[in-house]
Amino acid sequence: MKQSIWNIDIGLVFKHWLQDLYAFMLTIVTFMALSLPVVIPGLILWYMAGFPRLF
């Protein structure tokens, strides 16, 4: 049988899409977790400076 775009398994496509979405979300969470050692001291110093305007 000739391959066609219509002969796809939508369940398999959805499963792979969810796996890709999970990997993307895990990347976001990992990046946020790794940034905490920089963000927390920065917020503390900003607080100690009296919340100066950033822009």
Protein backbone atom coordinates (compact mmCIF):
# COMPACT_ATOMS: atom_id res chain seq x y z
CA MET A 1 0.00 0.00 0.00
CA LYS A 2 1.28 3.47 -0.88
CA GLN A 3 2.25 5.67 2.08
CA SER A 4 0.11 8.75 2.54
CA ILE A 5 -0.19 11.54 5.07
CA TRP A 6 -3.65 10.19 5.89
CA ASN A 7 -2.26 6.79 6.96
CA ILE A 8 -0.84 8.00 10.26
CA ASP A 9 -1.62 6.75 13.73
CA ILE A 10 -2.99 9.83 15.48
CA GLY A 11 -2.58 8.17 18.86
CA LEU A 12 1.12 7.65 18.24
CA VAL A 13 1.52 11.24 17.05
CA PHE A 14 -0.28 12.51 20.17
CA LYS A 15 1.90 10.29 22.40
CA HIS A 16 5.09 11.66 20.83
CA TRP A 17 3.74 15.21 21.11
CA LEU A 18 3.11 14.71 24.84
CA GLN A 19 6.61 13.31 25.30
CA ASP A 20 8.08 16.37 23.55
CA LEU A 21 5.91 18.67 25.67
CA TYR A 22 7.08 16.89 28.83
CA ALA A 23 10.72 17.31 27.81
CA PHE A 24 10.13 21.01 27.13
CA MET A 25 8.46 21.54 30.52
CA LEU A 26 11.24 19.63 32.26
CA THR A 27 13.78 21.90 30.56
CA ILE A 28 11.92 24.98 31.83
CA VAL A 29 11.76 23.63 35.40
CA THR A 30 15.45 22.67 35.31
CA PHE A 31 16.46 26.11 34.06
CA MET A 32 14.40 27.79 36.78
CA ALA A 33 15.87 25.52 39.47
CA LEU A 34 19.42 26.18 38.31
CA SER A 35 18.83 29.94 38.26
CA LEU A 36 17.72 30.09 41.91
CA PRO A 37 21.25 30.47 43.37
CA VAL A 38 21.58 33.67 41.31
CA VAL A 39 18.03 35.01 41.58
CA ILE A 40 17.58 34.69 45.36
CA PRO A 41 20.71 36.65 46.36
CA GLY A 42 19.86 39.22 43.69
CA LEU A 43 16.39 39.70 45.17
CA ILE A 44 17.86 39.94 48.67
CA LEU A 45 20.33 42.62 47.57
CA TRP A 46 17.54 44.47 45.76
CA TYR A 47 15.48 44.37 48.97
CA MET A 48 18.41 45.60 51.05
CA ALA A 49 18.93 48.49 48.60
CA GLY A 50 15.36 49.65 49.24
CA PHE A 51 13.73 48.40 46.02
CA PRO A 52 15.30 50.91 43.61
CA ARG A 53 13.60 51.35 40.24
CA LEU A 54 15.02 49.03 37.60
CA PHE A 55 14.18 51.14 34.56
